[in-house]
Amino acid sequence: MKIIEAVLLDAGISPIAGVDEAGRGACAGPLVVAAVILKNPFAPELSAIRDSKEISEKEREELFDVIHDQAIAVSVIEIAASEVDARGVHRANLEGMRRAVHGLDISPNYVLTDGYVIPGLGIPNLGVWKGDQVVHTISAASIIAKVTRDRIMRKADLEFPHYGFANHKGYGTAAHTQAMLQYGPCSIHRRSFSNVASLINIG
C-alpha cells in the first residue's frame, strides 16, 4: 500500500515529509495541521499507523507518542477560527500546510500531502488522494494533528462548558446545534460557516 514512499526512497529522495490536517469540517475550534518526517516510514514500530479516523482515541494517543519517538522532525500549526473565517477554510488549510512544512527543524526534499498540492511551497510536493490511508508519513501526520486538536477541544470544553466540545470536538452534531440554539455561538465558533452565521443574533 505504501508504494509512493518506497518509490521516492528507492530513488534516493529523502527526507520525506507527510502533511495532514484535523478539523477542516468542524464549525468550532481551530484547524490543526501537522507535518512529520519519519526516520523510517516502514519501521516495525509504525506498523499500526493508519488514517486517524480508523482508530480509537486510545490508540491515537498511544501512537502519538510512538510517532514522536520514530520521527526526526514534527511541526504542528494551529489556525484559529478567526483566521479560518478570514481566509476561508481551504485557503487556511493550504496556509497551514505551508507553515507546518517550513516549521520543521529539517527541510524535506519532498512533501506528500493528503489531497492537495501546496502552491508556493518551494519544495516538490504531491497531493495524494486518500493520502492518510495510503502513505505512512501522511497517516502519521493525521494522527499528530487529530490528537493535538482533540486535546485543544477538551481544554475548550472547560472554558465553554455549555457546548460539549469534549464530546463532538466542534463538529456539527445535533447536541452541538442544540447548544448553539440555546446559548448562541462563542468566541471559537467559525462565523463563516452557515450553521453558525444563522445563529449569530440568537441568544
Protein backbone atom coordinates (compact mmCIF):
# COMPACT_ATOMS: atom_id res chain seq x y z
CA MET A 1 0.00 0.00 0.00
CA LYS A 2 2.84 2.37 0.76
CA ILE A 3 4.17 2.42 -2.80
CA ILE A 4 4.71 6.17 -3.15
CA GLU A 5 7.15 6.43 -0.23
CA ALA A 6 9.00 3.30 -1.37
CA VAL A 7 9.47 4.70 -4.89
CA LEU A 8 10.78 8.01 -3.56
CA LEU A 9 13.17 6.35 -1.12
CA ASP A 10 14.40 3.88 -3.77
CA ALA A 11 15.18 6.89 -5.97
CA GLY A 12 17.27 8.38 -3.17
CA ILE A 13 14.76 11.13 -2.40
CA SER A 14 14.69 11.86 1.31
CA PRO A 15 13.80 13.12 3.79
CA ILE A 16 10.09 12.94 3.00
CA ALA A 17 7.53 14.94 4.96
CA GLY A 18 3.90 13.92 5.31
CA VAL A 19 1.27 16.62 5.95
CA ASP A 20 -2.34 16.41 7.06
CA GLU A 21 -4.96 18.42 8.96
CA ALA A 22 -7.66 17.92 11.53
CA GLY A 23 -10.80 19.99 11.99
CA ARG A 24 -11.46 21.07 8.42
CA GLY A 25 -15.16 20.30 8.67
CA ALA A 26 -15.73 21.48 12.24
CA CYS A 27 -17.76 24.62 12.84
CA ALA A 28 -15.89 25.46 16.05
CA GLY A 29 -12.28 25.38 17.15
CA PRO A 30 -9.03 25.66 15.25
CA LEU A 31 -7.79 23.97 12.14
CA VAL A 32 -4.69 21.98 13.14
CA VAL A 33 -2.06 21.00 10.55
CA ALA A 34 0.85 18.65 11.20
CA ALA A 35 3.98 17.87 9.19
CA VAL A 36 6.05 14.80 10.06
CA ILE A 37 9.35 13.37 8.85
CA LEU A 38 9.85 9.77 9.96
CA LYS A 39 13.23 8.11 10.43
CA ASN A 40 11.92 5.10 8.53
CA PRO A 41 8.30 5.07 7.31
CA PHE A 42 8.39 1.28 7.23
CA ALA A 43 9.79 0.70 10.73
CA PRO A 44 8.06 -2.18 12.57
CA GLU A 45 7.17 0.20 15.39
CA LEU A 46 4.93 2.06 12.93
CA SER A 47 3.03 -0.97 11.62
CA ALA A 48 -0.18 0.14 13.36
CA ILE A 49 -0.10 3.61 11.78
CA ARG A 50 -3.12 4.37 9.58
CA ASP A 51 -5.72 7.05 8.98
CA SER A 52 -6.54 8.66 12.32
CA LYS A 53 -10.28 8.29 11.64
CA GLU A 54 -9.94 4.49 11.50
CA ILE A 55 -8.58 4.03 15.02
CA SER A 56 -9.84 4.70 18.52
CA GLU A 57 -8.95 7.71 20.63
CA LYS A 58 -6.93 5.47 22.96
CA GLU A 59 -4.95 4.03 20.04
CA ARG A 60 -4.32 7.52 18.64
CA GLU A 61 -2.96 8.71 21.98
CA GLU A 62 -0.60 5.71 22.13
CA LEU A 63 0.54 6.16 18.53
CA PHE A 64 1.07 9.88 19.11
CA ASP A 65 4.00 9.02 21.39
CA VAL A 66 5.29 6.29 19.05
CA ILE A 67 5.32 8.72 16.12
CA HIS A 68 7.23 11.34 18.09
CA ASP A 69 9.75 8.65 19.07
CA GLN A 70 10.13 7.50 15.44
CA ALA A 71 10.22 10.97 13.87
CA ILE A 72 13.23 13.14 13.15
CA ALA A 73 11.03 16.24 12.88
CA VAL A 74 7.45 17.18 13.78
CA SER A 75 5.76 20.54 13.24
CA VAL A 76 2.23 21.43 14.33
CA ILE A 77 0.37 24.59 13.34
CA GLU A 78 -2.86 25.82 14.90
CA ILE A 79 -5.02 28.14 12.81
CA ALA A 80 -7.65 29.89 14.92
CA ALA A 81 -11.31 30.05 13.96
CA SER A 82 -10.92 33.78 13.25
CA GLU A 83 -8.26 33.10 10.61
CA VAL A 84 -10.35 30.32 9.09
CA ASP A 85 -13.17 32.88 8.81
CA ALA A 86 -10.87 35.50 7.27
CA ARG A 87 -9.19 33.22 4.71
CA GLY A 88 -11.83 30.58 4.08
CA VAL A 89 -11.23 27.02 5.20
CA HIS A 90 -9.45 25.81 2.05
CA ARG A 91 -7.00 28.72 1.88
CA ALA A 92 -6.44 28.46 5.63
CA ASN A 93 -5.67 24.78 5.20
CA LEU A 94 -3.10 25.43 2.46
CA GLU A 95 -1.51 28.21 4.50
CA GLY A 96 -1.36 25.87 7.50
CA MET A 97 0.38 23.25 5.36
CA ARG A 98 2.98 25.78 4.23
CA ARG A 99 3.61 26.92 7.80
CA ALA A 100 3.84 23.34 9.07
CA VAL A 101 6.39 22.30 6.45
CA HIS A 102 8.52 25.41 6.94
CA GLY A 103 8.29 24.88 10.70
CA LEU A 104 10.12 21.55 10.52
CA ASP A 105 13.60 21.53 12.05
CA ILE A 106 14.83 19.63 8.98
CA SER A 107 13.94 20.77 5.48
CA PRO A 108 12.40 17.90 3.48
CA ASN A 109 13.34 17.17 -0.10
CA TYR A 110 9.83 16.04 -0.93
CA VAL A 111 6.41 16.60 0.64
CA LEU A 112 3.37 14.32 0.46
CA THR A 113 0.02 15.80 1.45
CA ASP A 114 -3.48 14.48 1.91
CA GLY A 115 -5.43 15.55 -1.14
CA TYR A 116 -3.99 18.92 -2.13
CA VAL A 117 -0.80 20.19 -3.70
CA ILE A 118 0.64 23.14 -1.73
CA PRO A 119 1.10 26.13 -4.05
CA GLY A 120 4.15 28.31 -3.47
CA LEU A 121 5.82 25.84 -1.12
CA GLY A 122 9.19 25.95 -2.87
CA ILE A 123 9.67 22.20 -2.30
CA PRO A 124 8.48 19.43 -4.66
CA ASN A 125 5.17 18.15 -3.33
CA LEU A 126 2.40 15.79 -4.32
CA GLY A 127 -1.23 15.76 -3.23
CA VAL A 128 -2.28 12.15 -2.73
CA TRP A 129 -5.92 11.08 -2.98
CA LYS A 130 -6.87 9.49 0.36
CA GLY A 131 -3.25 10.05 1.36
CA ASP A 132 -3.94 9.43 5.03
CA GLN A 133 -4.89 5.87 4.07
CA VAL A 134 -2.07 5.02 1.66
CA VAL A 135 1.03 6.96 2.80
CA HIS A 136 2.62 6.23 6.18
CA THR A 137 4.02 9.71 6.69
CA ILE A 138 0.64 11.29 5.94
CA SER A 139 -1.08 8.81 8.28
CA ALA A 140 1.41 9.79 10.98
CA ALA A 141 0.69 13.49 10.39
CA SER A 142 -3.06 12.83 10.55
CA ILE A 143 -2.66 11.22 13.98
CA ILE A 144 -0.49 14.05 15.31
CA ALA A 145 -2.98 16.65 14.04
CA LYS A 146 -6.03 14.78 15.35
CA VAL A 147 -4.64 14.12 18.84
CA THR A 148 -3.41 17.70 19.15
CA ARG A 149 -6.77 19.12 18.10
CA ASP A 150 -8.73 16.79 20.36
CA ARG A 151 -6.64 17.96 23.32
CA ILE A 152 -7.31 21.59 22.37
CA MET A 153 -11.04 20.93 22.22
CA ARG A 154 -11.06 19.17 25.58
CA LYS A 155 -9.47 22.30 27.07
CA ALA A 156 -12.03 24.45 25.26
CA ASP A 157 -14.74 22.38 26.94
CA LEU A 158 -13.51 23.63 30.31
CA GLU A 159 -13.69 27.25 29.15
CA PHE A 160 -17.03 26.88 27.34
CA PRO A 161 -18.79 24.05 29.21
CA HIS A 162 -22.24 24.57 27.65
CA TYR A 163 -21.31 23.26 24.18
CA GLY A 164 -19.97 19.74 24.76
CA PHE A 165 -16.71 20.31 22.89
CA ALA A 166 -15.03 17.39 24.68
CA ASN A 167 -17.51 15.04 23.04
CA HIS A 168 -18.07 16.31 19.48
CA LYS A 169 -14.82 18.32 19.12
CA GLY A 170 -16.62 21.20 17.40
CA TYR A 171 -18.36 19.25 14.65
CA GLY A 172 -22.00 19.95 13.84
CA THR A 173 -23.77 17.24 15.83
CA ALA A 174 -27.36 17.52 16.97
CA ALA A 175 -26.23 18.19 20.55
CA HIS A 176 -23.86 20.92 19.37
CA THR A 177 -26.58 22.54 17.27
CA GLN A 178 -28.97 22.48 20.22
CA ALA A 179 -26.34 24.13 22.44
CA MET A 180 -25.77 26.87 19.87
CA LEU A 181 -29.51 27.44 19.65
CA GLN A 182 -29.69 27.81 23.40
CA TYR A 183 -26.53 29.81 24.10
CA GLY A 184 -25.56 31.30 20.74
CA PRO A 185 -22.06 30.97 19.23
CA CYS A 186 -18.99 31.52 21.41
CA SER A 187 -15.64 33.04 20.51
CA ILE A 188 -14.22 29.85 18.96
CA HIS A 189 -17.13 29.23 16.60
CA ARG A 190 -16.42 29.78 12.92
CA ARG A 191 -18.74 32.58 11.91
CA SER A 192 -18.18 31.98 8.19
CA PHE A 193 -19.90 28.59 8.48
CA SER A 194 -23.55 28.87 7.51
CA ASN A 195 -24.93 26.99 10.52
CA VAL A 196 -23.08 29.37 12.86
CA ALA A 197 -23.79 32.53 10.85
CA SER A 198 -27.53 31.85 11.04
CA LEU A 199 -27.34 31.86 14.85
CA ILE A 200 -25.16 34.92 15.49
CA ASN A 201 -28.11 37.08 16.52
CA ILE A 202 -29.63 34.41 18.75
CA GLY A 203 -29.06 34.44 22.50
